[in-house]
Every structure is written in C-alpha cells, then in structure tokens.
C-alpha cells in the first residue's frame, strides 16, 4: 500500500466518521442549548434536567438517521474490503 493511498483511506474514514456522528451530535447540541436557555430563563439550576432531553434527542436522531448511517458505513466497508488486493501490495 502506498503512502498516498493510506492517507486517502484514513481521510475518507475520518470524514465518514464525522458525517455519521454529526446528526446525533448536532441534535444533542441544539437540545442542550434550548434546555440551558430554559434553565437560565426560569432560574432552575437542576443539573440532571439536561440529561433526559439530550438522551431522548439522540435516540430520535438515531431512529431517524440510523438507516442512512448504517448504509454509509456498510458501503464504505464494502468498498474497502472490495479493494483489499490494492492494500495488500
């Protein structure tokens, strides 16, 4: 495997990891921000109040984007395994 091929493969894997994680992280960030603004406006300082909405939002994001994420990961893995002979050289 050449050095440029290894770098391209690593770059593609990192980009895919960011793309797959972005929907869950983004929705968790948005819900956390909304809950924090709500807590600041109502002066409720309960630390555990933020966890349940974030967990529910992440599960909703996983349910909505799960098939796309799984399809993306499977297609990347099949592409890598399909070109395994190029990596063994």
PDB file of N, CA and C in Angstrom:
ATOM      1  N   UNK A   1       0.846  -1.164   0.000  1.00  0.00           N
ATOM      2  CA  UNK A   1       0.000   0.000   0.000  1.00  0.00           C
ATOM      3  C   UNK A   1       0.896   1.233   0.000  1.00  0.00           C
ATOM      4  N   UNK A   2       0.608   2.125  -0.897  1.00  0.00           N
ATOM      5  CA  UNK A   2       1.408   3.346  -0.973  1.00  0.00           C
ATOM      6  C   UNK A   2       0.989   4.319   0.129  1.00  0.00           C
ATOM      7  N   UNK A   3       1.850   5.266   0.363  1.00  0.00           N
ATOM      8  CA  UNK A   3       1.593   6.235   1.419  1.00  0.00           C
ATOM      9  C   UNK A   3       0.389   7.121   1.086  1.00  0.00           C
ATOM     10  N   UNK A   4       0.253   7.508  -0.156  1.00  0.00           N
ATOM     11  CA  UNK A   4      -0.878   8.360  -0.539  1.00  0.00           C
ATOM     12  C   UNK A   4      -2.203   7.606  -0.445  1.00  0.00           C
ATOM     13  N   UNK A   5      -2.189   6.315  -0.756  1.00  0.00           N
ATOM     14  CA  UNK A   5      -3.403   5.511  -0.636  1.00  0.00           C
ATOM     15  C   UNK A   5      -3.817   5.384   0.825  1.00  0.00           C
ATOM     16  N   UNK A   6      -2.845   5.194   1.709  1.00  0.00           N
ATOM     17  CA  UNK A   6      -3.152   5.096   3.134  1.00  0.00           C
ATOM     18  C   UNK A   6      -3.700   6.415   3.673  1.00  0.00           C
ATOM     19  N   UNK A   7      -3.139   7.519   3.221  1.00  0.00           N
ATOM     20  CA  UNK A   7      -3.621   8.829   3.661  1.00  0.00           C
ATOM     21  C   UNK A   7      -5.035   9.077   3.145  1.00  0.00           C
ATOM     22  N   UNK A   8      -5.289   8.730   1.891  1.00  0.00           N
ATOM     23  CA  UNK A   8      -6.631   8.907   1.330  1.00  0.00           C
ATOM     24  C   UNK A   8      -7.654   8.035   2.046  1.00  0.00           C
ATOM     25  N   UNK A   9      -7.275   6.810   2.366  1.00  0.00           N
ATOM     26  CA  UNK A   9      -8.180   5.910   3.079  1.00  0.00           C
ATOM     27  C   UNK A   9      -8.464   6.432   4.484  1.00  0.00           C
ATOM     28  N   UNK A  10      -7.446   6.897   5.172  1.00  0.00           N
ATOM     29  CA  UNK A  10      -7.642   7.461   6.504  1.00  0.00           C
ATOM     30  C   UNK A  10      -8.487   8.719   6.483  1.00  0.00           C
ATOM     31  N   UNK A  11      -8.266   9.575   5.476  1.00  0.00           N
ATOM     32  CA  UNK A  11      -9.062  10.796   5.341  1.00  0.00           C
ATOM     33  C   UNK A  11     -10.525  10.466   5.080  1.00  0.00           C
ATOM     34  N   UNK A  12     -10.764   9.485   4.215  1.00  0.00           N
ATOM     35  CA  UNK A  12     -12.141   9.090   3.916  1.00  0.00           C
ATOM     36  C   UNK A  12     -12.818   8.491   5.145  1.00  0.00           C
ATOM     37  N   UNK A  13     -12.070   7.714   5.925  1.00  0.00           N
ATOM     38  CA  UNK A  13     -12.642   7.119   7.132  1.00  0.00           C
ATOM     39  C   UNK A  13     -12.975   8.186   8.173  1.00  0.00           C
ATOM     40  N   UNK A  14     -12.089   9.159   8.347  1.00  0.00           N
ATOM     41  CA  UNK A  14     -12.364  10.236   9.303  1.00  0.00           C
ATOM     42  C   UNK A  14     -13.530  11.108   8.851  1.00  0.00           C
ATOM     43  N   UNK A  15     -13.612  11.389   7.568  1.00  0.00           N
ATOM     44  CA  UNK A  15     -14.724  12.175   7.040  1.00  0.00           C
ATOM     45  C   UNK A  15     -16.049  11.440   7.230  1.00  0.00           C
ATOM     46  N   UNK A  16     -16.049  10.142   6.996  1.00  0.00           N
ATOM     47  CA  UNK A  16     -17.259   9.355   7.197  1.00  0.00           C
ATOM     48  C   UNK A  16     -17.648   9.325   8.672  1.00  0.00           C
ATOM     49  N   UNK A  17     -16.672   9.221   9.560  1.00  0.00           N
ATOM     50  CA  UNK A  17     -16.963   9.227  10.994  1.00  0.00           C
ATOM     51  C   UNK A  17     -17.604  10.542  11.421  1.00  0.00           C
ATOM     52  N   UNK A  18     -17.121  11.647  10.884  1.00  0.00           N
ATOM     53  CA  UNK A  18     -17.707  12.952  11.209  1.00  0.00           C
ATOM     54  C   UNK A  18     -19.115  13.055  10.635  1.00  0.00           C
ATOM     55  N   UNK A  19     -19.308  12.590   9.412  1.00  0.00           N
ATOM     56  CA  UNK A  19     -20.628  12.657   8.788  1.00  0.00           C
ATOM     57  C   UNK A  19     -21.643  11.793   9.527  1.00  0.00           C
ATOM     58  N   UNK A  20     -21.212  10.642  10.009  1.00  0.00           N
ATOM     59  CA  UNK A  20     -22.127   9.743  10.707  1.00  0.00           C
ATOM     60  C   UNK A  20     -22.460  10.281  12.102  1.00  0.00           C
ATOM     61  N   UNK A  21     -21.495  10.890  12.760  1.00  0.00           N
ATOM     62  CA  UNK A  21     -21.720  11.386  14.116  1.00  0.00           C
ATOM     63  C   UNK A  21     -22.427  12.736  14.147  1.00  0.00           C
ATOM     64  N   UNK A  22     -22.359  13.503  13.074  1.00  0.00           N
ATOM     65  CA  UNK A  22     -22.881  14.870  13.063  1.00  0.00           C
ATOM     66  C   UNK A  22     -24.376  14.990  13.378  1.00  0.00           C
ATOM     67  N   UNK A  23     -25.260  14.150  12.849  1.00  0.00           N
ATOM     68  CA  UNK A  23     -26.680  14.333  13.181  1.00  0.00           C
ATOM     69  C   UNK A  23     -26.978  14.173  14.669  1.00  0.00           C
ATOM     70  N   UNK A  24     -26.393  13.168  15.292  1.00  0.00           N
ATOM     71  CA  UNK A  24     -26.647  12.963  16.718  1.00  0.00           C
ATOM     72  C   UNK A  24     -26.013  14.060  17.560  1.00  0.00           C
ATOM     73  N   UNK A  25     -24.782  14.440  17.231  1.00  0.00           N
ATOM     74  CA  UNK A  25     -24.112  15.488  17.991  1.00  0.00           C
ATOM     75  C   UNK A  25     -24.803  16.837  17.808  1.00  0.00           C
ATOM     76  N   UNK A  26     -25.219  17.128  16.594  1.00  0.00           N
ATOM     77  CA  UNK A  26     -25.890  18.397  16.332  1.00  0.00           C
ATOM     78  C   UNK A  26     -27.223  18.512  17.051  1.00  0.00           C
ATOM     79  N   UNK A  27     -28.007  17.445  17.015  1.00  0.00           N
ATOM     80  CA  UNK A  27     -29.297  17.479  17.696  1.00  0.00           C
ATOM     81  C   UNK A  27     -29.113  17.535  19.207  1.00  0.00           C
ATOM     82  N   UNK A  28     -28.126  16.807  19.726  1.00  0.00           N
ATOM     83  CA  UNK A  28     -27.831  16.883  21.158  1.00  0.00           C
ATOM     84  C   UNK A  28     -27.387  18.275  21.569  1.00  0.00           C
ATOM     85  N   UNK A  29     -26.586  18.914  20.726  1.00  0.00           N
ATOM     86  CA  UNK A  29     -26.143  20.283  20.995  1.00  0.00           C
ATOM     87  C   UNK A  29     -27.318  21.252  20.986  1.00  0.00           C
ATOM     88  N   UNK A  30     -28.197  21.118  20.011  1.00  0.00           N
ATOM     89  CA  UNK A  30     -29.351  22.002  19.906  1.00  0.00           C
ATOM     90  C   UNK A  30     -30.285  21.846  21.106  1.00  0.00           C
ATOM     91  N   UNK A  31     -30.562  20.614  21.487  1.00  0.00           N
ATOM     92  CA  UNK A  31     -31.436  20.376  22.638  1.00  0.00           C
ATOM     93  C   UNK A  31     -30.780  20.877  23.921  1.00  0.00           C
ATOM     94  N   UNK A  32     -29.482  20.656  24.068  1.00  0.00           N
ATOM     95  CA  UNK A  32     -28.778  21.159  25.241  1.00  0.00           C
ATOM     96  C   UNK A  32     -28.825  22.672  25.332  1.00  0.00           C
ATOM     97  N   UNK A  33     -28.695  23.342  24.196  1.00  0.00           N
ATOM     98  CA  UNK A  33     -28.761  24.800  24.174  1.00  0.00           C
ATOM     99  C   UNK A  33     -30.151  25.298  24.559  1.00  0.00           C
ATOM    100  N   UNK A  34     -31.185  24.658  24.018  1.00  0.00           N
ATOM    101  CA  UNK A  34     -32.558  25.059  24.341  1.00  0.00           C
ATOM    102  C   UNK A  34     -32.846  24.836  25.821  1.00  0.00           C
ATOM    103  N   UNK A  35     -32.436  23.705  26.363  1.00  0.00           N
ATOM    104  CA  UNK A  35     -32.668  23.420  27.780  1.00  0.00           C
ATOM    105  C   UNK A  35     -31.879  24.389  28.656  1.00  0.00           C
ATOM    106  N   UNK A  36     -30.674  24.731  28.256  1.00  0.00           N
ATOM    107  CA  UNK A  36     -29.876  25.687  29.029  1.00  0.00           C
ATOM    108  C   UNK A  36     -30.511  27.073  29.031  1.00  0.00           C
ATOM    109  N   UNK A  37     -31.040  27.496  27.897  1.00  0.00           N
ATOM    110  CA  UNK A  37     -31.735  28.786  27.844  1.00  0.00           C
ATOM    111  C   UNK A  37     -32.986  28.748  28.715  1.00  0.00           C
ATOM    112  N   UNK A  38     -33.707  27.630  28.674  1.00  0.00           N
ATOM    113  CA  UNK A  38     -34.888  27.470  29.527  1.00  0.00           C
ATOM    114  C   UNK A  38     -34.501  27.523  31.001  1.00  0.00           C
ATOM    115  N   UNK A  39     -33.410  26.855  31.366  1.00  0.00           N
ATOM    116  CA  UNK A  39     -32.964  26.871  32.755  1.00  0.00           C
ATOM    117  C   UNK A  39     -32.536  28.269  33.185  1.00  0.00           C
ATOM    118  N   UNK A  40     -31.876  28.991  32.314  1.00  0.00           N
ATOM    119  CA  UNK A  40     -31.449  30.347  32.658  1.00  0.00           C
ATOM    120  C   UNK A  40     -32.641  31.291  32.788  1.00  0.00           C
ATOM    121  N   UNK A  41     -33.639  31.102  31.939  1.00  0.00           N
ATOM    122  CA  UNK A  41     -34.807  31.982  31.985  1.00  0.00           C
ATOM    123  C   UNK A  41     -35.665  31.719  33.216  1.00  0.00           C
ATOM    124  N   UNK A  42     -35.763  30.469  33.624  1.00  0.00           N
ATOM    125  CA  UNK A  42     -36.612  30.122  34.766  1.00  0.00           C
ATOM    126  C   UNK A  42     -35.826  29.996  36.063  1.00  0.00           C
ATOM    127  N   UNK A  43     -34.530  30.148  36.012  1.00  0.00           N
ATOM    128  CA  UNK A  43     -33.627  30.038  37.159  1.00  0.00           C
ATOM    129  C   UNK A  43     -33.718  28.674  37.837  1.00  0.00           C
ATOM    130  N   UNK A  44     -33.991  27.650  37.055  1.00  0.00           N
ATOM    131  CA  UNK A  44     -33.936  26.276  37.552  1.00  0.00           C
ATOM    132  C   UNK A  44     -32.509  25.798  37.353  1.00  0.00           C
ATOM    133  N   UNK A  45     -31.842  25.431  38.426  1.00  0.00           N
ATOM    134  CA  UNK A  45     -30.436  25.036  38.342  1.00  0.00           C
ATOM    135  C   UNK A  45     -30.253  23.545  38.626  1.00  0.00           C
ATOM    136  N   UNK A  46     -31.135  22.736  38.123  1.00  0.00           N
ATOM    137  CA  UNK A  46     -31.039  21.289  38.312  1.00  0.00           C
ATOM    138  C   UNK A  46     -30.130  20.710  37.229  1.00  0.00           C
ATOM    139  N   UNK A  47     -29.035  20.095  37.629  1.00  0.00           N
ATOM    140  CA  UNK A  47     -28.054  19.581  36.670  1.00  0.00           C
ATOM    141  C   UNK A  47     -28.571  18.375  35.890  1.00  0.00           C
ATOM    142  N   UNK A  48     -29.418  17.568  36.515  1.00  0.00           N
ATOM    143  CA  UNK A  48     -29.892  16.361  35.841  1.00  0.00           C
ATOM    144  C   UNK A  48     -31.002  16.650  34.840  1.00  0.00           C
ATOM    145  N   UNK A  49     -31.525  17.861  34.830  1.00  0.00           N
ATOM    146  CA  UNK A  49     -32.614  18.203  33.915  1.00  0.00           C
ATOM    147  C   UNK A  49     -32.176  18.157  32.455  1.00  0.00           C
ATOM    148  N   UNK A  50     -30.903  18.372  32.183  1.00  0.00           N
ATOM    149  CA  UNK A  50     -30.437  18.406  30.797  1.00  0.00           C
ATOM    150  C   UNK A  50     -30.225  17.017  30.209  1.00  0.00           C
ATOM    151  N   UNK A  51     -30.045  16.007  31.037  1.00  0.00           N
ATOM    152  CA  UNK A  51     -29.680  14.689  30.520  1.00  0.00           C
ATOM    153  C   UNK A  51     -30.820  13.995  29.783  1.00  0.00           C
ATOM    154  N   UNK A  52     -32.004  13.998  30.339  1.00  0.00           N
ATOM    155  CA  UNK A  52     -33.111  13.247  29.733  1.00  0.00           C
ATOM    156  C   UNK A  52     -33.491  13.804  28.357  1.00  0.00           C
ATOM    157  N   UNK A  53     -33.656  15.115  28.175  1.00  0.00           N
ATOM    158  CA  UNK A  53     -33.954  15.598  26.813  1.00  0.00           C
ATOM    159  C   UNK A  53     -32.842  15.306  25.809  1.00  0.00           C
ATOM    160  N   UNK A  54     -31.589  15.401  26.252  1.00  0.00           N
ATOM    161  CA  UNK A  54     -30.484  15.101  25.336  1.00  0.00           C
ATOM    162  C   UNK A  54     -30.494  13.635  24.929  1.00  0.00           C
ATOM    163  N   UNK A  55     -30.701  12.748  25.890  1.00  0.00           N
ATOM    164  CA  UNK A  55     -30.729  11.315  25.581  1.00  0.00           C
ATOM    165  C   UNK A  55     -31.887  11.001  24.641  1.00  0.00           C
ATOM    166  N   UNK A  56     -33.051  11.575  24.914  1.00  0.00           N
ATOM    167  CA  UNK A  56     -34.194  11.350  24.028  1.00  0.00           C
ATOM    168  C   UNK A  56     -33.934  11.902  22.628  1.00  0.00           C
ATOM    169  N   UNK A  57     -33.306  13.067  22.538  1.00  0.00           N
ATOM    170  CA  UNK A  57     -32.996  13.653  21.227  1.00  0.00           C
ATOM    171  C   UNK A  57     -32.012  12.788  20.459  1.00  0.00           C
ATOM    172  N   UNK A  58     -31.037  12.227  21.154  1.00  0.00           N
ATOM    173  CA  UNK A  58     -30.061  11.370  20.479  1.00  0.00           C
ATOM    174  C   UNK A  58     -30.715  10.080  20.003  1.00  0.00           C
ATOM    175  N   UNK A  59     -31.639   9.527  20.794  1.00  0.00           N
ATOM    176  CA  UNK A  59     -32.355   8.336  20.342  1.00  0.00           C
ATOM    177  C   UNK A  59     -33.250   8.646  19.141  1.00  0.00           C
ATOM    178  N   UNK A  60     -33.873   9.814  19.134  1.00  0.00           N
ATOM    179  CA  UNK A  60     -34.692  10.213  17.981  1.00  0.00           C
ATOM    180  C   UNK A  60     -33.815  10.380  16.742  1.00  0.00           C
ATOM    181  N   UNK A  61     -32.661  11.013  16.915  1.00  0.00           N
ATOM    182  CA  UNK A  61     -31.741  11.175  15.783  1.00  0.00           C
ATOM    183  C   UNK A  61     -31.253   9.825  15.284  1.00  0.00           C
ATOM    184  N   UNK A  62     -30.999   8.911  16.206  1.00  0.00           N
ATOM    185  CA  UNK A  62     -30.564   7.569  15.807  1.00  0.00           C
ATOM    186  C   UNK A  62     -31.670   6.837  15.059  1.00  0.00           C
ATOM    187  N   UNK A  63     -32.914   7.015  15.490  1.00  0.00           N
ATOM    188  CA  UNK A  63     -34.033   6.373  14.796  1.00  0.00           C
ATOM    189  C   UNK A  63     -34.245   6.981  13.407  1.00  0.00           C
ATOM    190  N   UNK A  64     -34.083   8.299  13.301  1.00  0.00           N
ATOM    191  CA  UNK A  64     -34.300   8.953  12.009  1.00  0.00           C
ATOM    192  C   UNK A  64     -33.149   8.727  11.034  1.00  0.00           C
ATOM    193  N   UNK A  65     -31.922   8.875  11.525  1.00  0.00           N
ATOM    194  CA  UNK A  65     -30.755   8.812  10.649  1.00  0.00           C
ATOM    195  C   UNK A  65     -30.048   7.464  10.679  1.00  0.00           C
ATOM    196  N   UNK A  66     -30.531   6.533  11.496  1.00  0.00           N
ATOM    197  CA  UNK A  66     -29.887   5.233  11.627  1.00  0.00           C
ATOM    198  C   UNK A  66     -29.748   4.460  10.325  1.00  0.00           C
ATOM    199  N   UNK A  67     -30.815   4.347   9.530  1.00  0.00           N
ATOM    200  CA  UNK A  67     -30.668   3.618   8.262  1.00  0.00           C
ATOM    201  C   UNK A  67     -29.641   4.248   7.326  1.00  0.00           C
ATOM    202  N   UNK A  68     -29.619   5.575   7.249  1.00  0.00           N
ATOM    203  CA  UNK A  68     -28.630   6.255   6.413  1.00  0.00           C
ATOM    204  C   UNK A  68     -27.220   6.032   6.942  1.00  0.00           C
ATOM    205  N   UNK A  69     -27.060   6.106   8.256  1.00  0.00           N
ATOM    206  CA  UNK A  69     -25.735   5.913   8.849  1.00  0.00           C
ATOM    207  C   UNK A  69     -25.247   4.489   8.608  1.00  0.00           C
ATOM    208  N   UNK A  70     -26.129   3.520   8.798  1.00  0.00           N
ATOM    209  CA  UNK A  70     -25.749   2.128   8.577  1.00  0.00           C
ATOM    210  C   UNK A  70     -25.410   1.876   7.117  1.00  0.00           C
ATOM    211  N   UNK A  71     -26.187   2.444   6.204  1.00  0.00           N
ATOM    212  CA  UNK A  71     -25.914   2.262   4.778  1.00  0.00           C
ATOM    213  C   UNK A  71     -24.584   2.900   4.399  1.00  0.00           C
ATOM    214  N   UNK A  72     -24.276   4.050   4.961  1.00  0.00           N
ATOM    215  CA  UNK A  72     -23.000   4.711   4.674  1.00  0.00           C
ATOM    216  C   UNK A  72     -21.824   3.887   5.172  1.00  0.00           C
ATOM    217  N   UNK A  73     -21.941   3.369   6.385  1.00  0.00           N
ATOM    218  CA  UNK A  73     -20.856   2.566   6.945  1.00  0.00           C
ATOM    219  C   UNK A  73     -20.674   1.255   6.194  1.00  0.00           C
ATOM    220  N   UNK A  74     -21.778   0.622   5.813  1.00  0.00           N
ATOM    221  CA  UNK A  74     -21.685  -0.642   5.080  1.00  0.00           C
ATOM    222  C   UNK A  74     -21.098  -0.421   3.692  1.00  0.00           C
ATOM    223  N   UNK A  75     -21.487   0.656   3.025  1.00  0.00           N
ATOM    224  CA  UNK A  75     -20.931   0.902   1.693  1.00  0.00           C
ATOM    225  C   UNK A  75     -19.444   1.233   1.770  1.00  0.00           C
ATOM    226  N   UNK A  76     -19.008   1.956   2.796  1.00  0.00           N
ATOM    227  CA  UNK A  76     -17.584   2.242   2.959  1.00  0.00           C
ATOM    228  C   UNK A  76     -16.815   0.956   3.252  1.00  0.00           C
ATOM    229  N   UNK A  77     -17.355   0.130   4.142  1.00  0.00           N
ATOM    230  CA  UNK A  77     -16.672  -1.120   4.478  1.00  0.00           C
ATOM    231  C   UNK A  77     -16.606  -2.053   3.280  1.00  0.00           C
ATOM    232  N   UNK A  78     -17.681  -2.122   2.496  1.00  0.00           N
ATOM    233  CA  UNK A  78     -17.648  -2.995   1.319  1.00  0.00           C
ATOM    234  C   UNK A  78     -16.692  -2.458   0.262  1.00  0.00           C
ATOM    235  N   UNK A  79     -16.582  -1.135   0.148  1.00  0.00           N
ATOM    236  CA  UNK A  79     -15.618  -0.565  -0.800  1.00  0.00           C
ATOM    237  C   UNK A  79     -14.190  -0.860  -0.365  1.00  0.00           C
ATOM    238  N   UNK A  80     -13.924  -0.746   0.924  1.00  0.00           N
ATOM    239  CA  UNK A  80     -12.578  -1.041   1.427  1.00  0.00           C
ATOM    240  C   UNK A  80     -12.266  -2.521   1.262  1.00  0.00           C
ATOM    241  N   UNK A  81     -13.200  -3.372   1.631  1.00  0.00           N
ATOM    242  CA  UNK A  81     -12.952  -4.810   1.514  1.00  0.00           C
ATOM    243  C   UNK A  81     -12.941  -5.267   0.061  1.00  0.00           C
ATOM    244  N   UNK A  82     -13.664  -4.569  -0.805  1.00  0.00           N
ATOM    245  CA  UNK A  82     -13.655  -4.910  -2.225  1.00  0.00           C
ATOM    246  C   UNK A  82     -12.329  -4.610  -2.895  1.00  0.00           C
ATOM    247  N   UNK A  83     -11.610  -3.642  -2.374  1.00  0.00           N
ATOM    248  CA  UNK A  83     -10.304  -3.270  -2.926  1.00  0.00           C
ATOM    249  C   UNK A  83      -9.173  -3.735  -2.026  1.00  0.00           C
ATOM    250  N   UNK A  84      -9.389  -4.813  -1.338  1.00  0.00           N
ATOM    251  CA  UNK A  84      -8.393  -5.315  -0.392  1.00  0.00           C
ATOM    252  C   UNK A  84      -7.105  -5.727  -1.090  1.00  0.00           C
ATOM    253  N   UNK A  85      -7.203  -6.173  -2.331  1.00  0.00           N
ATOM    254  CA  UNK A  85      -5.994  -6.567  -3.061  1.00  0.00           C
ATOM    255  C   UNK A  85      -5.079  -5.368  -3.325  1.00  0.00           C
ATOM    256  N   UNK A  86      -5.655  -4.167  -3.461  1.00  0.00           N
ATOM    257  CA  UNK A  86      -4.822  -2.972  -3.644  1.00  0.00           C
ATOM    258  C   UNK A  86      -4.054  -2.617  -2.376  1.00  0.00           C
ATOM    259  N   UNK A  87      -4.622  -2.943  -1.226  1.00  0.00           N
ATOM    260  CA  UNK A  87      -3.978  -2.596   0.035  1.00  0.00           C
ATOM    261  C   UNK A  87      -2.903  -3.595   0.422  1.00  0.00           C
ATOM    262  N   UNK A  88      -2.975  -4.797  -0.092  1.00  0.00           N
ATOM    263  CA  UNK A  88      -2.031  -5.847   0.297  1.00  0.00           C
ATOM    264  C   UNK A  88      -0.701  -5.734  -0.441  1.00  0.00           C
ATOM    265  N   UNK A  89      -0.648  -4.948  -1.480  1.00  0.00           N
ATOM    266  CA  UNK A  89       0.594  -4.834  -2.245  1.00  0.00           C
ATOM    267  C   UNK A  89       1.655  -4.108  -1.490  1.00  0.00           C
TER     268      UNK A  89
END
